Amino acid sequence: MTHVHSYLAAPSDNAVSAIIKGIDRDVERGEDALMLGLGLVMLSSTFAPVLPPTVLLPLVAFIFAVSSGYARKNYHYMELKLSTSMAFLEADEVAKLRVVAAVFAQYPMPSLTDSFNPCKNLKRTGKSALGGLLINPLWMPIFYVMGMQIVEEGNLGVLNRAIIEVEKNV
C-alpha cells in the first residue's frame, strides 16, 4: 500500500475523476486481497493428506485473518485519503463525492483490535461457536475470521456500487 495521504497527489484537470479512479483502484486492491485469502484457503485442502488438522486449521484461520486484516486497513486508509482529498475540493466537486463519503459514514469499520476481540463481537462469536460445535471445535476460529472476511466483502461491494454511481454522474 502506498503511503500517499490524498488521491490528488498528481495534478489533474478533473479532480473528482482522479479521486474516483484512486478509490476504485484501492477497492480492487482490497478485493484482490480477500480473493487471494479465499483462494489460498481453497488450496489448503491440497495439503490435507500431508498436514494434520491441528496445523492446517489454524493456518486457514491465519490466512483469513491476514487477508481480512489487510482489507480492513485498506478500507480505513481509503477513508482517510478521501477525507483528505475532499478538503481541497470546491463545493460542487464535494457534492459529487458525497455518495462515496456516505458509504464510509454508513458503514464505519471498527479497528482491527475491536474486530478480533470476541467479547466485542458477541453475535459473530456465537455463530462461530455454534458452527464449531456442529462441525469441529477447531473450526471456531476459522468461522470467526471468516465472518470478518464476509463483512469486508460486503463493505467493499457497497463502496464499489457507490463508485459506479458517481462514475455514471461524472
N, C-alpha and C. Protein backbone atom coordinates (compact mmCIF):
# COMPACT_ATOMS: atom_id res chain seq x y z
N MET A 1 0.85 -1.16 0.00
CA MET A 1 0.00 0.00 0.00
C MET A 1 0.90 1.23 0.00
N THR A 2 0.66 2.11 -0.93
CA THR A 2 1.43 3.34 -0.97
C THR A 2 0.98 4.25 0.16
N HIS A 3 1.87 5.09 0.62
CA HIS A 3 1.55 5.95 1.75
C HIS A 3 1.37 7.40 1.32
N VAL A 4 0.56 7.61 0.32
CA VAL A 4 0.15 8.94 -0.08
C VAL A 4 -1.17 9.20 0.63
N HIS A 5 -1.29 10.33 1.30
CA HIS A 5 -2.47 10.59 2.12
C HIS A 5 -3.55 11.36 1.39
N SER A 6 -3.53 11.36 0.07
CA SER A 6 -4.54 12.04 -0.71
C SER A 6 -4.61 11.39 -2.09
N TYR A 7 -5.78 11.42 -2.66
CA TYR A 7 -5.94 10.92 -4.03
C TYR A 7 -5.55 11.98 -5.05
N LEU A 8 -5.23 13.17 -4.61
CA LEU A 8 -4.87 14.26 -5.50
C LEU A 8 -3.36 14.48 -5.51
N ALA A 9 -2.59 13.42 -5.52
CA ALA A 9 -1.13 13.54 -5.48
C ALA A 9 -0.60 14.15 -6.77
N ALA A 10 -1.21 13.79 -7.90
CA ALA A 10 -0.79 14.34 -9.18
C ALA A 10 -1.81 15.39 -9.63
N PRO A 11 -1.35 16.49 -10.21
CA PRO A 11 -2.31 17.49 -10.69
C PRO A 11 -3.16 16.92 -11.83
N SER A 12 -4.44 17.22 -11.76
CA SER A 12 -5.37 16.70 -12.76
C SER A 12 -6.39 17.77 -13.09
N ASP A 13 -6.89 17.72 -14.33
CA ASP A 13 -7.89 18.70 -14.72
C ASP A 13 -9.25 18.37 -14.12
N ASN A 14 -9.52 17.11 -13.83
CA ASN A 14 -10.78 16.71 -13.23
C ASN A 14 -10.48 15.98 -11.92
N ALA A 15 -10.57 16.70 -10.81
CA ALA A 15 -10.21 16.15 -9.51
C ALA A 15 -11.14 15.02 -9.08
N VAL A 16 -12.43 15.16 -9.37
CA VAL A 16 -13.39 14.13 -8.98
C VAL A 16 -13.07 12.82 -9.68
N SER A 17 -12.76 12.89 -10.95
CA SER A 17 -12.41 11.69 -11.71
C SER A 17 -11.14 11.05 -11.17
N ALA A 18 -10.15 11.86 -10.81
CA ALA A 18 -8.91 11.32 -10.25
C ALA A 18 -9.16 10.64 -8.91
N ILE A 19 -10.02 11.23 -8.09
CA ILE A 19 -10.33 10.63 -6.80
C ILE A 19 -11.08 9.32 -6.98
N ILE A 20 -12.04 9.30 -7.88
CA ILE A 20 -12.81 8.08 -8.12
C ILE A 20 -11.91 6.97 -8.66
N LYS A 21 -11.01 7.31 -9.56
CA LYS A 21 -10.07 6.30 -10.08
C LYS A 21 -9.19 5.76 -8.97
N GLY A 22 -8.73 6.63 -8.08
CA GLY A 22 -7.90 6.19 -6.96
C GLY A 22 -8.65 5.29 -6.00
N ILE A 23 -9.88 5.67 -5.66
CA ILE A 23 -10.67 4.84 -4.76
C ILE A 23 -10.99 3.51 -5.43
N ASP A 24 -11.32 3.54 -6.70
CA ASP A 24 -11.61 2.30 -7.42
C ASP A 24 -10.40 1.37 -7.41
N ARG A 25 -9.24 1.92 -7.59
CA ARG A 25 -8.01 1.12 -7.57
C ARG A 25 -7.79 0.52 -6.17
N ASP A 26 -8.07 1.30 -5.13
CA ASP A 26 -7.91 0.79 -3.78
C ASP A 26 -8.97 -0.26 -3.43
N VAL A 27 -10.19 -0.09 -3.94
CA VAL A 27 -11.23 -1.11 -3.72
C VAL A 27 -10.81 -2.41 -4.40
N GLU A 28 -10.29 -2.31 -5.61
CA GLU A 28 -9.81 -3.51 -6.30
C GLU A 28 -8.68 -4.18 -5.52
N ARG A 29 -7.82 -3.37 -4.92
CA ARG A 29 -6.72 -3.93 -4.12
C ARG A 29 -7.28 -4.69 -2.91
N GLY A 30 -8.29 -4.14 -2.26
CA GLY A 30 -8.91 -4.83 -1.13
C GLY A 30 -9.61 -6.10 -1.56
N GLU A 31 -10.33 -6.03 -2.69
CA GLU A 31 -11.00 -7.23 -3.20
C GLU A 31 -9.99 -8.29 -3.59
N ASP A 32 -8.88 -7.87 -4.17
CA ASP A 32 -7.83 -8.83 -4.55
C ASP A 32 -7.25 -9.52 -3.32
N ALA A 33 -7.06 -8.77 -2.24
CA ALA A 33 -6.53 -9.36 -1.02
C ALA A 33 -7.50 -10.39 -0.45
N LEU A 34 -8.78 -10.06 -0.47
CA LEU A 34 -9.78 -11.01 0.03
C LEU A 34 -9.86 -12.25 -0.85
N MET A 35 -9.79 -12.06 -2.15
CA MET A 35 -9.84 -13.22 -3.06
C MET A 35 -8.58 -14.07 -2.95
N LEU A 36 -7.44 -13.44 -2.73
CA LEU A 36 -6.21 -14.20 -2.52
C LEU A 36 -6.33 -15.06 -1.27
N GLY A 37 -6.84 -14.48 -0.20
CA GLY A 37 -7.04 -15.26 1.02
C GLY A 37 -8.00 -16.41 0.80
N LEU A 38 -9.10 -16.15 0.12
CA LEU A 38 -10.07 -17.21 -0.16
C LEU A 38 -9.46 -18.28 -1.05
N GLY A 39 -8.69 -17.87 -2.04
CA GLY A 39 -8.03 -18.84 -2.93
C GLY A 39 -7.03 -19.71 -2.18
N LEU A 40 -6.26 -19.09 -1.29
CA LEU A 40 -5.30 -19.87 -0.50
C LEU A 40 -6.00 -20.86 0.42
N VAL A 41 -7.13 -20.44 0.98
CA VAL A 41 -7.89 -21.34 1.83
C VAL A 41 -8.45 -22.50 1.01
N MET A 42 -8.94 -22.20 -0.19
CA MET A 42 -9.45 -23.27 -1.06
C MET A 42 -8.32 -24.23 -1.46
N LEU A 43 -7.14 -23.69 -1.62
CA LEU A 43 -5.98 -24.51 -1.99
C LEU A 43 -5.49 -25.34 -0.80
N SER A 44 -5.83 -24.94 0.40
CA SER A 44 -5.34 -25.64 1.58
C SER A 44 -5.81 -27.08 1.66
N SER A 45 -6.91 -27.41 1.01
CA SER A 45 -7.37 -28.80 1.03
C SER A 45 -6.38 -29.72 0.31
N THR A 46 -5.53 -29.15 -0.51
CA THR A 46 -4.49 -29.93 -1.19
C THR A 46 -3.50 -30.49 -0.17
N PHE A 47 -3.29 -29.75 0.90
CA PHE A 47 -2.32 -30.16 1.91
C PHE A 47 -2.94 -31.03 3.00
N ALA A 48 -4.23 -31.32 2.93
CA ALA A 48 -4.90 -32.11 3.95
C ALA A 48 -4.31 -33.51 4.11
N PRO A 49 -3.89 -34.19 3.06
CA PRO A 49 -3.29 -35.51 3.27
C PRO A 49 -1.92 -35.46 3.96
N VAL A 50 -1.27 -34.31 3.90
CA VAL A 50 0.08 -34.21 4.44
C VAL A 50 0.11 -33.59 5.84
N LEU A 51 -0.68 -32.55 6.05
CA LEU A 51 -0.67 -31.82 7.31
C LEU A 51 -1.81 -32.28 8.22
N PRO A 52 -1.56 -32.41 9.50
CA PRO A 52 -2.66 -32.76 10.41
C PRO A 52 -3.59 -31.57 10.61
N PRO A 53 -4.82 -31.82 11.00
CA PRO A 53 -5.78 -30.72 11.20
C PRO A 53 -5.33 -29.71 12.25
N THR A 54 -4.54 -30.14 13.23
CA THR A 54 -4.08 -29.21 14.25
C THR A 54 -3.10 -28.18 13.70
N VAL A 55 -2.54 -28.45 12.53
CA VAL A 55 -1.66 -27.49 11.86
C VAL A 55 -2.41 -26.75 10.76
N LEU A 56 -3.18 -27.49 9.99
CA LEU A 56 -3.84 -26.92 8.81
C LEU A 56 -4.96 -25.94 9.18
N LEU A 57 -5.77 -26.28 10.15
CA LEU A 57 -6.90 -25.42 10.50
C LEU A 57 -6.47 -24.08 11.11
N PRO A 58 -5.49 -24.03 12.00
CA PRO A 58 -5.01 -22.70 12.43
C PRO A 58 -4.37 -21.90 11.29
N LEU A 59 -3.75 -22.60 10.35
CA LEU A 59 -3.18 -21.92 9.19
C LEU A 59 -4.28 -21.29 8.34
N VAL A 60 -5.39 -21.99 8.18
CA VAL A 60 -6.53 -21.45 7.43
C VAL A 60 -7.08 -20.21 8.14
N ALA A 61 -7.22 -20.28 9.46
CA ALA A 61 -7.70 -19.13 10.22
C ALA A 61 -6.73 -17.96 10.09
N PHE A 62 -5.44 -18.24 10.11
CA PHE A 62 -4.43 -17.20 9.97
C PHE A 62 -4.53 -16.53 8.60
N ILE A 63 -4.73 -17.32 7.56
CA ILE A 63 -4.84 -16.76 6.20
C ILE A 63 -6.06 -15.84 6.11
N PHE A 64 -7.19 -16.29 6.64
CA PHE A 64 -8.38 -15.43 6.65
C PHE A 64 -8.13 -14.15 7.44
N ALA A 65 -7.46 -14.27 8.58
CA ALA A 65 -7.20 -13.11 9.43
C ALA A 65 -6.29 -12.10 8.72
N VAL A 66 -5.27 -12.60 8.04
CA VAL A 66 -4.35 -11.70 7.36
C VAL A 66 -5.04 -10.99 6.19
N SER A 67 -5.79 -11.74 5.39
CA SER A 67 -6.43 -11.12 4.22
C SER A 67 -7.52 -10.13 4.64
N SER A 68 -8.32 -10.48 5.63
CA SER A 68 -9.36 -9.54 6.06
C SER A 68 -8.74 -8.36 6.82
N GLY A 69 -7.66 -8.60 7.54
CA GLY A 69 -6.97 -7.50 8.22
C GLY A 69 -6.37 -6.51 7.24
N TYR A 70 -5.78 -7.02 6.16
CA TYR A 70 -5.24 -6.14 5.14
C TYR A 70 -6.35 -5.33 4.48
N ALA A 71 -7.46 -6.01 4.18
CA ALA A 71 -8.59 -5.31 3.55
C ALA A 71 -9.16 -4.25 4.49
N ARG A 72 -9.20 -4.52 5.78
CA ARG A 72 -9.71 -3.54 6.74
C ARG A 72 -8.79 -2.33 6.81
N LYS A 73 -7.48 -2.55 6.87
CA LYS A 73 -6.55 -1.42 6.90
C LYS A 73 -6.65 -0.62 5.61
N ASN A 74 -6.83 -1.30 4.49
CA ASN A 74 -7.00 -0.64 3.20
C ASN A 74 -8.28 0.21 3.21
N TYR A 75 -9.35 -0.30 3.80
CA TYR A 75 -10.63 0.43 3.89
C TYR A 75 -10.45 1.71 4.71
N HIS A 76 -9.79 1.59 5.86
CA HIS A 76 -9.54 2.77 6.70
C HIS A 76 -8.66 3.77 5.97
N TYR A 77 -7.70 3.28 5.23
CA TYR A 77 -6.79 4.17 4.51
C TYR A 77 -7.52 4.88 3.37
N MET A 78 -8.45 4.18 2.71
CA MET A 78 -9.27 4.83 1.68
C MET A 78 -10.10 5.96 2.29
N GLU A 79 -10.66 5.71 3.45
CA GLU A 79 -11.47 6.74 4.12
C GLU A 79 -10.61 7.95 4.46
N LEU A 80 -9.42 7.73 4.95
CA LEU A 80 -8.51 8.82 5.28
C LEU A 80 -8.12 9.61 4.03
N LYS A 81 -7.76 8.91 2.97
CA LYS A 81 -7.36 9.58 1.73
C LYS A 81 -8.52 10.36 1.12
N LEU A 82 -9.74 9.81 1.19
CA LEU A 82 -10.89 10.52 0.64
C LEU A 82 -11.17 11.80 1.44
N SER A 83 -11.15 11.71 2.74
CA SER A 83 -11.43 12.92 3.54
C SER A 83 -10.35 13.97 3.34
N THR A 84 -9.10 13.54 3.20
CA THR A 84 -8.02 14.49 2.94
C THR A 84 -8.18 15.13 1.57
N SER A 85 -8.55 14.35 0.59
CA SER A 85 -8.72 14.87 -0.77
C SER A 85 -9.91 15.82 -0.86
N MET A 86 -10.99 15.51 -0.14
CA MET A 86 -12.18 16.34 -0.21
C MET A 86 -11.96 17.71 0.41
N ALA A 87 -10.96 17.83 1.27
CA ALA A 87 -10.67 19.12 1.89
C ALA A 87 -10.14 20.13 0.88
N PHE A 88 -9.58 19.65 -0.23
CA PHE A 88 -9.01 20.53 -1.24
C PHE A 88 -9.97 20.84 -2.39
N LEU A 89 -11.18 20.30 -2.34
CA LEU A 89 -12.12 20.46 -3.44
C LEU A 89 -13.09 21.61 -3.21
N GLU A 90 -13.71 22.03 -4.30
CA GLU A 90 -14.76 23.04 -4.22
C GLU A 90 -16.08 22.37 -3.85
N ALA A 91 -17.08 23.16 -3.53
CA ALA A 91 -18.35 22.64 -3.03
C ALA A 91 -19.07 21.75 -4.04
N ASP A 92 -19.05 22.12 -5.31
CA ASP A 92 -19.74 21.30 -6.31
C ASP A 92 -19.04 19.95 -6.51
N GLU A 93 -17.73 19.93 -6.38
CA GLU A 93 -17.00 18.67 -6.51
C GLU A 93 -17.22 17.78 -5.28
N VAL A 94 -17.30 18.39 -4.13
CA VAL A 94 -17.58 17.63 -2.90
C VAL A 94 -18.97 17.01 -2.98
N ALA A 95 -19.92 17.75 -3.54
CA ALA A 95 -21.29 17.25 -3.67
C ALA A 95 -21.33 15.98 -4.53
N LYS A 96 -20.49 15.92 -5.55
CA LYS A 96 -20.45 14.72 -6.40
C LYS A 96 -19.90 13.51 -5.65
N LEU A 97 -19.03 13.75 -4.68
CA LEU A 97 -18.40 12.65 -3.95
C LEU A 97 -19.14 12.29 -2.66
N ARG A 98 -20.24 12.96 -2.38
CA ARG A 98 -20.99 12.69 -1.15
C ARG A 98 -21.49 11.25 -1.08
N VAL A 99 -21.80 10.66 -2.22
CA VAL A 99 -22.30 9.28 -2.24
C VAL A 99 -21.24 8.33 -1.69
N VAL A 100 -20.00 8.54 -2.12
CA VAL A 100 -18.91 7.68 -1.66
C VAL A 100 -18.60 7.96 -0.20
N ALA A 101 -18.59 9.23 0.18
CA ALA A 101 -18.33 9.58 1.58
C ALA A 101 -19.44 9.05 2.49
N ALA A 102 -20.67 8.98 1.97
CA ALA A 102 -21.78 8.45 2.77
C ALA A 102 -21.59 6.97 3.08
N VAL A 103 -20.95 6.24 2.17
CA VAL A 103 -20.70 4.82 2.42
C VAL A 103 -19.78 4.66 3.63
N PHE A 104 -18.75 5.48 3.70
CA PHE A 104 -17.85 5.40 4.84
C PHE A 104 -18.56 5.81 6.13
N ALA A 105 -19.53 6.73 6.04
CA ALA A 105 -20.28 7.15 7.22
C ALA A 105 -21.31 6.10 7.64
N GLN A 106 -21.96 5.47 6.67
CA GLN A 106 -22.99 4.48 6.97
C GLN A 106 -22.41 3.13 7.39
N TYR A 107 -21.25 2.80 6.88
CA TYR A 107 -20.62 1.52 7.18
C TYR A 107 -19.25 1.73 7.82
N PRO A 108 -19.24 2.30 9.03
CA PRO A 108 -17.94 2.51 9.67
C PRO A 108 -17.37 1.17 10.10
N MET A 109 -16.10 1.02 9.90
CA MET A 109 -15.44 -0.22 10.27
C MET A 109 -14.67 -0.01 11.57
N PRO A 110 -14.88 -0.87 12.54
CA PRO A 110 -14.11 -0.73 13.78
C PRO A 110 -12.64 -1.07 13.52
N SER A 111 -11.83 -0.76 14.48
CA SER A 111 -10.41 -1.08 14.33
C SER A 111 -10.21 -2.59 14.37
N LEU A 112 -9.04 -3.02 13.95
CA LEU A 112 -8.74 -4.45 13.97
C LEU A 112 -8.74 -5.00 15.39
N THR A 113 -8.36 -4.19 16.33
CA THR A 113 -8.37 -4.62 17.73
C THR A 113 -9.80 -4.97 18.16
N ASP A 114 -10.74 -4.16 17.79
CA ASP A 114 -12.14 -4.44 18.14
C ASP A 114 -12.68 -5.62 17.35
N SER A 115 -12.27 -5.77 16.11
CA SER A 115 -12.77 -6.86 15.27
C SER A 115 -12.28 -8.23 15.74
N PHE A 116 -11.06 -8.28 16.24
CA PHE A 116 -10.52 -9.56 16.69
C PHE A 116 -10.91 -9.89 18.13
N ASN A 117 -11.56 -8.97 18.82
CA ASN A 117 -11.97 -9.20 20.21
C ASN A 117 -13.30 -9.93 20.23
N PRO A 118 -13.35 -11.20 20.65
CA PRO A 118 -14.61 -11.95 20.66
C PRO A 118 -15.65 -11.37 21.62
N CYS A 119 -15.21 -10.66 22.65
CA CYS A 119 -16.16 -10.09 23.61
C CYS A 119 -16.91 -8.90 23.02
N LYS A 120 -16.33 -8.24 22.03
CA LYS A 120 -16.99 -7.09 21.41
C LYS A 120 -17.81 -7.48 20.20
N ASN A 121 -17.73 -8.73 19.79
CA ASN A 121 -18.48 -9.24 18.63
C ASN A 121 -19.21 -10.51 19.05
N LEU A 122 -20.16 -10.34 19.94
CA LEU A 122 -20.83 -11.50 20.52
C LEU A 122 -21.64 -12.29 19.50
N LYS A 123 -22.24 -11.61 18.54
CA LYS A 123 -23.03 -12.32 17.53
C LYS A 123 -22.12 -13.21 16.68
N ARG A 124 -21.00 -12.66 16.23
CA ARG A 124 -20.06 -13.45 15.43
C ARG A 124 -19.45 -14.58 16.27
N THR A 125 -19.18 -14.30 17.53
CA THR A 125 -18.63 -15.32 18.43
C THR A 125 -19.62 -16.45 18.63
N GLY A 126 -20.87 -16.10 18.81
CA GLY A 126 -21.90 -17.12 18.98
C GLY A 126 -22.08 -17.98 17.74
N LYS A 127 -22.08 -17.35 16.59
CA LYS A 127 -22.22 -18.10 15.34
C LYS A 127 -21.03 -19.01 15.11
N SER A 128 -19.83 -18.52 15.40
CA SER A 128 -18.64 -19.36 15.19
C SER A 128 -18.61 -20.50 16.22
N ALA A 129 -19.07 -20.25 17.44
CA ALA A 129 -19.13 -21.33 18.44
C ALA A 129 -20.15 -22.38 18.04
N LEU A 130 -21.29 -21.94 17.53
CA LEU A 130 -22.30 -22.90 17.08
C LEU A 130 -21.77 -23.73 15.90
N GLY A 131 -21.12 -23.07 14.95
CA GLY A 131 -20.54 -23.80 13.83
C GLY A 131 -19.45 -24.76 14.28
N GLY A 132 -18.65 -24.34 15.25
CA GLY A 132 -17.62 -25.21 15.80
C GLY A 132 -18.20 -26.42 16.51
N LEU A 133 -19.31 -26.22 17.22
CA LEU A 133 -19.95 -27.34 17.89
C LEU A 133 -20.56 -28.32 16.89
N LEU A 134 -21.07 -27.79 15.79
CA LEU A 134 -21.69 -28.66 14.80
C LEU A 134 -20.66 -29.43 13.96
N ILE A 135 -19.52 -28.82 13.70
CA ILE A 135 -18.52 -29.45 12.83
C ILE A 135 -17.36 -30.00 13.65
N ASN A 136 -16.59 -29.08 14.21
CA ASN A 136 -15.39 -29.46 14.94
C ASN A 136 -14.96 -28.22 15.73
N PRO A 137 -14.61 -28.35 17.00
CA PRO A 137 -14.20 -27.17 17.77
C PRO A 137 -13.00 -26.44 17.18
N LEU A 138 -12.16 -27.12 16.41
CA LEU A 138 -11.02 -26.44 15.80
C LEU A 138 -11.44 -25.47 14.70
N TRP A 139 -12.69 -25.55 14.27
CA TRP A 139 -13.19 -24.65 13.23
C TRP A 139 -13.71 -23.33 13.78
N MET A 140 -13.83 -23.20 15.08
CA MET A 140 -14.38 -21.97 15.66
C MET A 140 -13.58 -20.73 15.27
N PRO A 141 -12.25 -20.73 15.36
CA PRO A 141 -11.52 -19.53 14.92
C PRO A 141 -11.66 -19.27 13.43
N ILE A 142 -11.79 -20.33 12.65
CA ILE A 142 -11.97 -20.16 11.20
C ILE A 142 -13.29 -19.46 10.92
N PHE A 143 -14.35 -19.90 11.57
CA PHE A 143 -15.64 -19.27 11.36
C PHE A 143 -15.62 -17.81 11.82
N TYR A 144 -14.91 -17.53 12.90
CA TYR A 144 -14.85 -16.17 13.42
C TYR A 144 -14.20 -15.23 12.41
N VAL A 145 -13.02 -15.60 11.90
CA VAL A 145 -12.34 -14.72 10.95
C VAL A 145 -13.00 -14.77 9.57
N MET A 146 -13.70 -15.85 9.27
CA MET A 146 -14.46 -15.89 8.02
C MET A 146 -15.60 -14.87 8.09
N GLY A 147 -16.17 -14.67 9.26
CA GLY A 147 -17.18 -13.63 9.44
C GLY A 147 -16.61 -12.24 9.17
N MET A 148 -15.38 -12.02 9.61
CA MET A 148 -14.71 -10.76 9.29
C MET A 148 -14.54 -10.60 7.79
N GLN A 149 -14.15 -11.68 7.14
CA GLN A 149 -13.94 -11.67 5.69
C GLN A 149 -15.24 -11.32 4.96
N ILE A 150 -16.33 -11.89 5.41
CA ILE A 150 -17.63 -11.64 4.78
C ILE A 150 -18.04 -10.18 4.96
N VAL A 151 -17.81 -9.61 6.14
CA VAL A 151 -18.14 -8.20 6.38
C VAL A 151 -17.30 -7.31 5.46
N GLU A 152 -16.03 -7.63 5.32
CA GLU A 152 -15.15 -6.85 4.44
C GLU A 152 -15.64 -6.90 3.00
N GLU A 153 -16.00 -8.08 2.52
CA GLU A 153 -16.50 -8.20 1.16
C GLU A 153 -17.77 -7.40 0.95
N GLY A 154 -18.65 -7.43 1.93
CA GLY A 154 -19.89 -6.66 1.83
C GLY A 154 -19.65 -5.17 1.76
N ASN A 155 -18.77 -4.67 2.61
CA ASN A 155 -18.48 -3.23 2.61
C ASN A 155 -17.79 -2.79 1.32
N LEU A 156 -16.88 -3.61 0.83
CA LEU A 156 -16.23 -3.26 -0.44
C LEU A 156 -17.22 -3.30 -1.59
N GLY A 157 -18.20 -4.20 -1.52
CA GLY A 157 -19.24 -4.25 -2.55
C GLY A 157 -20.11 -3.01 -2.55
N VAL A 158 -20.49 -2.55 -1.37
CA VAL A 158 -21.29 -1.32 -1.25
C VAL A 158 -20.49 -0.13 -1.75
N LEU A 159 -19.22 -0.08 -1.39
CA LEU A 159 -18.36 1.02 -1.84
C LEU A 159 -18.18 0.99 -3.35
N ASN A 160 -18.07 -0.19 -3.91
CA ASN A 160 -17.93 -0.33 -5.37
C ASN A 160 -19.18 0.15 -6.09
N ARG A 161 -20.36 -0.16 -5.55
CA ARG A 161 -21.60 0.32 -6.16
C ARG A 161 -21.69 1.84 -6.10
N ALA A 162 -21.24 2.44 -4.99
CA ALA A 162 -21.24 3.89 -4.87
C ALA A 162 -20.29 4.52 -5.88
N ILE A 163 -19.16 3.89 -6.10
CA ILE A 163 -18.20 4.40 -7.09
C ILE A 163 -18.79 4.35 -8.48
N ILE A 164 -19.47 3.27 -8.79
CA ILE A 164 -20.11 3.15 -10.11
C ILE A 164 -21.18 4.22 -10.29
N GLU A 165 -21.92 4.51 -9.22
CA GLU A 165 -22.94 5.57 -9.31
C GLU A 165 -22.31 6.93 -9.57
N VAL A 166 -21.22 7.21 -8.90
CA VAL A 166 -20.54 8.50 -9.12
C VAL A 166 -19.95 8.55 -10.52
N GLU A 167 -19.38 7.43 -10.99
CA GLU A 167 -18.80 7.41 -12.35
C GLU A 167 -19.86 7.69 -13.41
N LYS A 168 -21.09 7.23 -13.19
CA LYS A 168 -22.17 7.49 -14.14
C LYS A 168 -22.52 8.96 -14.20
N ASN A 169 -22.40 9.65 -13.06
CA ASN A 169 -22.78 11.06 -12.98
C ASN A 169 -21.66 12.02 -13.35
N VAL A 170 -20.44 11.54 -13.42
CA VAL A 170 -19.32 12.45 -13.71
C VAL A 170 -19.12 12.60 -15.18
